């Protein structure tokens, strides 16, 4: 978001018009996207504790998020739902997860950092949930900081079939958490590709704890050293 852009203030919004564009707003609370092909750009969403998500899609909704900052108190996450894409998004000083990626969700060229999670609560920078189908996490800087969360947590539904995917996690700089990238069982999808990522050396336990079915290629520490076996 351009530093000199003057934003128009707004309360929480529910978008029901297909193709609607929100451009240049500072929204207190959150945005519920209940229509297809919505765009939110050059805006700031500030959580005030009244909305569970900063931006979230309903079963009818899809949204493109560009040059947007999300910060503040969200009980669940700054972004959530299926069918959303984010480009040049900054998520910072949030109380819940950074973003939850459902079906056909993707985040590129974005940053998630500096959490404000209350004591006794665990948060992750990105949580891949639901079907685990057609998810892309690419060229981001994700830092969950110390604690029990992860920079990327794969947390699918227990009832998932084994053939869902692909989930692609590539070209990111990742740090923090108990395990920086963690994949939970049961129900882990079979088509997970983790490649070209660079890890900081600040995980509590290990940089990776993932299923043996996951494909790992060209991941390393920032200094080029090989990661330990997962």
Protein backbone atom coordinates (compact mmCIF):
# COMPACT_ATOMS: atom_id res chain seq x y z
CA UNK A 1 0.00 0.00 0.00
CA UNK A 2 1.53 3.40 -0.95
CA UNK A 3 2.69 5.26 2.17
CA UNK A 4 1.22 8.56 0.92
CA UNK A 5 -2.23 7.16 0.11
CA UNK A 6 -5.02 8.75 2.16
CA UNK A 7 -7.52 6.13 3.23
CA UNK A 8 -11.27 6.58 3.71
CA UNK A 9 -12.54 5.25 7.05
CA UNK A 10 -15.18 2.53 7.12
CA UNK A 11 -16.88 0.18 9.56
CA UNK A 12 -17.00 -3.57 8.93
CA UNK A 13 -18.29 -4.47 5.46
CA UNK A 14 -20.19 -7.36 3.85
CA UNK A 15 -19.78 -7.42 0.06
CA UNK A 16 -22.70 -8.91 -1.90
CA UNK A 17 -22.15 -7.37 -5.36
CA UNK A 18 -20.20 -9.53 -7.86
CA UNK A 19 -17.05 -7.82 -9.10
CA UNK A 20 -17.11 -5.10 -6.43
CA UNK A 21 -13.84 -3.22 -5.84
CA UNK A 22 -12.76 -1.75 -2.50
CA UNK A 23 -9.86 0.63 -3.14
CA UNK A 24 -8.30 3.04 -0.65
CA UNK A 25 -10.18 2.17 2.53
CA UNK A 26 -9.27 1.78 6.19
CA UNK A 27 -11.79 -0.74 7.50
CA UNK A 28 -12.32 -1.26 11.22
CA UNK A 29 -13.48 -4.78 12.01
CA UNK A 30 -13.37 -6.90 8.86
CA UNK A 31 -14.67 -7.66 5.37
CA UNK A 32 -16.99 -10.59 4.58
CA UNK A 33 -16.92 -11.44 0.87
CA UNK A 34 -20.27 -12.95 -0.14
CA UNK A 35 -19.96 -12.48 -3.92
CA UNK A 36 -17.61 -13.71 -6.66
CA UNK A 37 -14.67 -11.82 -8.18
CA UNK A 38 -14.38 -9.12 -5.53
CA UNK A 39 -11.19 -7.04 -5.31
CA UNK A 40 -9.74 -5.41 -2.18
CA UNK A 41 -6.71 -3.25 -2.94
CA UNK A 42 -4.59 -0.43 -1.48
CA UNK A 43 -6.35 -0.65 1.88
CA UNK A 44 -5.82 -1.38 5.56
CA UNK A 45 -7.99 -3.69 7.67
CA UNK A 46 -7.70 -3.15 11.42
CA UNK A 47 -9.13 -5.76 13.77
CA UNK A 48 -11.02 -4.39 16.77
CA UNK A 49 -12.07 -7.72 18.26
CA UNK A 50 -15.59 -7.68 16.78
CA UNK A 51 -14.88 -9.85 13.71
CA UNK A 52 -13.24 -13.30 13.62
CA UNK A 53 -11.42 -12.56 10.33
CA UNK A 54 -10.04 -9.47 8.64
CA UNK A 55 -11.07 -10.69 5.17
CA UNK A 56 -13.04 -13.93 4.73
CA UNK A 57 -14.97 -15.58 1.90
CA UNK A 58 -18.35 -17.28 2.24
CA UNK A 59 -19.28 -20.31 0.06
CA UNK A 60 -20.45 -17.79 -2.60
CA UNK A 61 -17.42 -15.54 -2.42
CA UNK A 62 -14.05 -15.13 -4.08
CA UNK A 63 -11.62 -12.25 -3.67
CA UNK A 64 -8.32 -10.86 -4.94
CA UNK A 65 -6.35 -8.97 -2.28
CA UNK A 66 -3.60 -6.61 -3.46
CA UNK A 67 -1.38 -4.12 -1.59
CA UNK A 68 -3.34 -4.52 1.64
CA UNK A 69 -2.17 -4.38 5.27
CA UNK A 70 -4.02 -6.35 7.96
CA UNK A 71 -3.32 -5.76 11.63
CA UNK A 72 -5.02 -5.97 15.01
CA UNK A 73 -7.36 -8.26 16.92
CA UNK A 74 -8.90 -11.07 14.87
CA UNK A 75 -10.15 -14.06 16.88
CA UNK A 76 -9.44 -16.52 14.04
CA UNK A 77 -7.10 -15.08 11.38
CA UNK A 78 -6.38 -12.01 9.28
CA UNK A 79 -7.52 -13.82 6.09
CA UNK A 80 -9.62 -16.97 5.75
CA UNK A 81 -11.78 -19.10 3.51
CA UNK A 82 -11.63 -20.63 0.02
CA UNK A 83 -11.02 -18.99 -3.37
CA UNK A 84 -8.86 -16.07 -2.37
CA UNK A 85 -5.54 -14.78 -3.67
CA UNK A 86 -3.19 -12.31 -2.05
CA UNK A 87 -0.34 -10.35 -3.63
CA UNK A 88 1.89 -7.86 -1.78
CA UNK A 89 -0.06 -8.33 1.43
CA UNK A 90 1.38 -7.45 4.83
CA UNK A 91 -0.01 -9.18 7.92
CA UNK A 92 1.47 -7.86 11.15
CA UNK A 93 0.69 -7.54 14.86
CA UNK A 94 -2.35 -9.83 14.67
CA UNK A 95 -3.69 -11.83 17.61
CA UNK A 96 -4.77 -14.96 15.68
CA UNK A 97 -3.29 -16.85 12.72
CA UNK A 98 -1.91 -14.84 9.86
CA UNK A 99 -3.97 -16.50 7.11
CA UNK A 100 -5.94 -19.71 6.63
CA UNK A 101 -5.82 -21.07 3.10
CA UNK A 102 -8.69 -23.26 1.94
CA UNK A 103 -9.41 -24.59 -1.53
CA UNK A 104 -7.94 -22.54 -4.41
CA UNK A 105 -6.22 -20.09 -2.08
CA UNK A 106 -2.83 -18.57 -2.83
CA UNK A 107 -0.45 -16.06 -1.29
CA UNK A 108 2.50 -14.54 -3.17
CA UNK A 109 5.10 -11.83 -2.57
CA UNK A 110 3.76 -11.07 0.90
CA UNK A 111 4.97 -10.82 4.49
CA UNK A 112 3.59 -12.21 7.75
CA UNK A 113 5.49 -11.15 10.87
CA UNK A 114 5.48 -9.68 14.42
CA UNK A 115 2.57 -11.45 16.06
CA UNK A 116 0.61 -10.05 19.02
CA UNK A 117 -0.76 -13.40 20.20
CA UNK A 118 -1.98 -13.37 23.82
CA UNK A 119 -0.20 -15.56 26.39
CA UNK A 120 -1.36 -19.16 26.33
CA UNK A 121 -2.50 -19.06 22.69
CA UNK A 122 -0.73 -20.62 19.70
CA UNK A 123 -0.79 -19.00 16.26
CA UNK A 124 0.79 -19.80 12.90
CA UNK A 125 1.70 -17.51 10.03
CA UNK A 126 -0.15 -19.64 7.45
CA UNK A 127 -2.53 -22.56 8.05
CA UNK A 128 -3.52 -24.71 5.07
CA UNK A 129 -6.94 -26.15 5.92
CA UNK A 130 -9.97 -27.87 4.45
CA UNK A 131 -9.55 -29.87 1.27
CA UNK A 132 -5.93 -28.95 0.67
CA UNK A 133 -6.74 -28.56 -3.03
CA UNK A 134 -4.97 -26.14 -5.40
CA UNK A 135 -3.03 -24.09 -2.81
CA UNK A 136 0.04 -21.98 -3.62
CA UNK A 137 2.40 -20.29 -1.13
CA UNK A 138 5.19 -18.61 -3.11
CA UNK A 139 7.93 -16.00 -2.63
CA UNK A 140 6.75 -14.84 0.80
CA UNK A 141 8.57 -13.90 4.00
CA UNK A 142 6.90 -15.76 6.87
CA UNK A 143 8.13 -15.39 10.44
CA UNK A 144 5.97 -16.71 13.25
CA UNK A 145 8.56 -15.92 15.92
CA UNK A 146 9.27 -18.13 18.95
CA UNK A 147 6.61 -20.42 20.37
CA UNK A 148 4.42 -23.34 19.43
CA UNK A 149 3.02 -22.25 16.05
CA UNK A 150 4.56 -22.69 12.61
CA UNK A 151 5.40 -20.48 9.65
CA UNK A 152 3.37 -22.95 7.56
CA UNK A 153 1.02 -25.49 9.18
CA UNK A 154 -0.73 -28.10 7.02
CA UNK A 155 -3.86 -28.92 8.99
CA UNK A 156 -6.30 -30.77 6.70
CA UNK A 157 -9.67 -32.24 7.63
CA UNK A 158 -9.32 -35.69 9.14
CA UNK A 159 -11.76 -37.07 6.56
CA UNK A 160 -9.62 -35.98 3.61
CA UNK A 161 -8.94 -38.42 0.84
CA UNK A 162 -5.30 -39.06 0.06
CA UNK A 163 -5.51 -37.75 -3.50
CA UNK A 164 -6.19 -34.08 -2.79
CA UNK A 165 -3.75 -31.41 -3.92
CA UNK A 166 -1.55 -29.99 -5.15
CA UNK A 167 -0.22 -27.92 -2.28
CA UNK A 168 2.86 -26.00 -3.47
CA UNK A 169 5.15 -24.19 -1.01
CA UNK A 170 8.12 -22.72 -2.87
CA UNK A 171 10.62 -19.90 -2.85
CA UNK A 172 9.72 -18.61 0.61
CA UNK A 173 11.89 -17.38 3.48
CA UNK A 174 10.61 -19.11 6.61
CA UNK A 175 11.37 -18.79 10.32
CA UNK A 176 10.24 -19.45 13.85
CA UNK A 177 7.82 -21.82 15.49
CA UNK A 178 8.25 -25.15 17.22
CA UNK A 179 8.49 -26.66 13.71
CA UNK A 180 8.81 -24.01 10.99
CA UNK A 181 6.89 -26.17 8.47
CA UNK A 182 4.63 -28.80 10.02
CA UNK A 183 2.18 -31.27 8.51
CA UNK A 184 -0.38 -32.87 10.78
CA UNK A 185 -1.72 -36.42 10.50
CA UNK A 186 -4.16 -38.06 9.92
CA UNK A 187 -5.61 -36.96 6.63
CA UNK A 188 -2.44 -35.43 5.20
CA UNK A 189 -2.83 -34.94 1.42
CA UNK A 190 -0.52 -36.91 -0.84
CA UNK A 191 0.41 -34.12 -3.27
CA UNK A 192 2.53 -31.70 -1.21
CA UNK A 193 5.53 -30.07 -2.90
CA UNK A 194 7.96 -28.06 -0.78
CA UNK A 195 10.82 -26.60 -2.83
CA UNK A 196 13.35 -23.79 -2.96
CA UNK A 197 12.58 -22.46 0.51
CA UNK A 198 15.16 -20.90 2.83
CA UNK A 199 14.89 -21.48 6.56
CA UNK A 200 16.18 -19.46 9.47
CA UNK A 201 17.83 -21.39 12.30
CA UNK A 202 15.32 -20.40 14.97
CA UNK A 203 12.86 -23.31 15.14
CA UNK A 204 12.47 -24.69 18.67
CA UNK A 205 12.51 -28.36 17.57
CA UNK A 206 13.30 -28.57 13.84
CA UNK A 207 12.69 -26.69 10.57
CA UNK A 208 10.53 -29.49 9.11
CA UNK A 209 8.09 -32.11 10.35
CA UNK A 210 6.13 -33.37 7.36
CA UNK A 211 4.76 -36.58 5.91
CA UNK A 212 7.16 -38.90 4.08
CA UNK A 213 4.85 -38.54 1.07
CA UNK A 214 5.75 -34.86 0.71
CA UNK A 215 8.18 -33.99 -2.10
CA UNK A 216 11.09 -31.89 -0.81
CA UNK A 217 13.59 -30.30 -3.20
CA UNK A 218 16.29 -27.63 -2.85
CA UNK A 219 15.35 -26.45 0.67
CA UNK A 220 18.15 -25.16 2.89
CA UNK A 221 19.10 -22.84 5.69
CA UNK A 222 19.74 -19.20 4.78
CA UNK A 223 23.49 -19.86 4.71
CA UNK A 224 23.05 -22.72 2.25
CA UNK A 225 23.55 -25.53 4.75
CA UNK A 226 21.53 -28.71 4.32
CA UNK A 227 18.45 -29.18 6.50
CA UNK A 228 18.41 -32.12 8.92
CA UNK A 229 16.33 -35.18 8.06
CA UNK A 230 12.70 -34.63 8.89
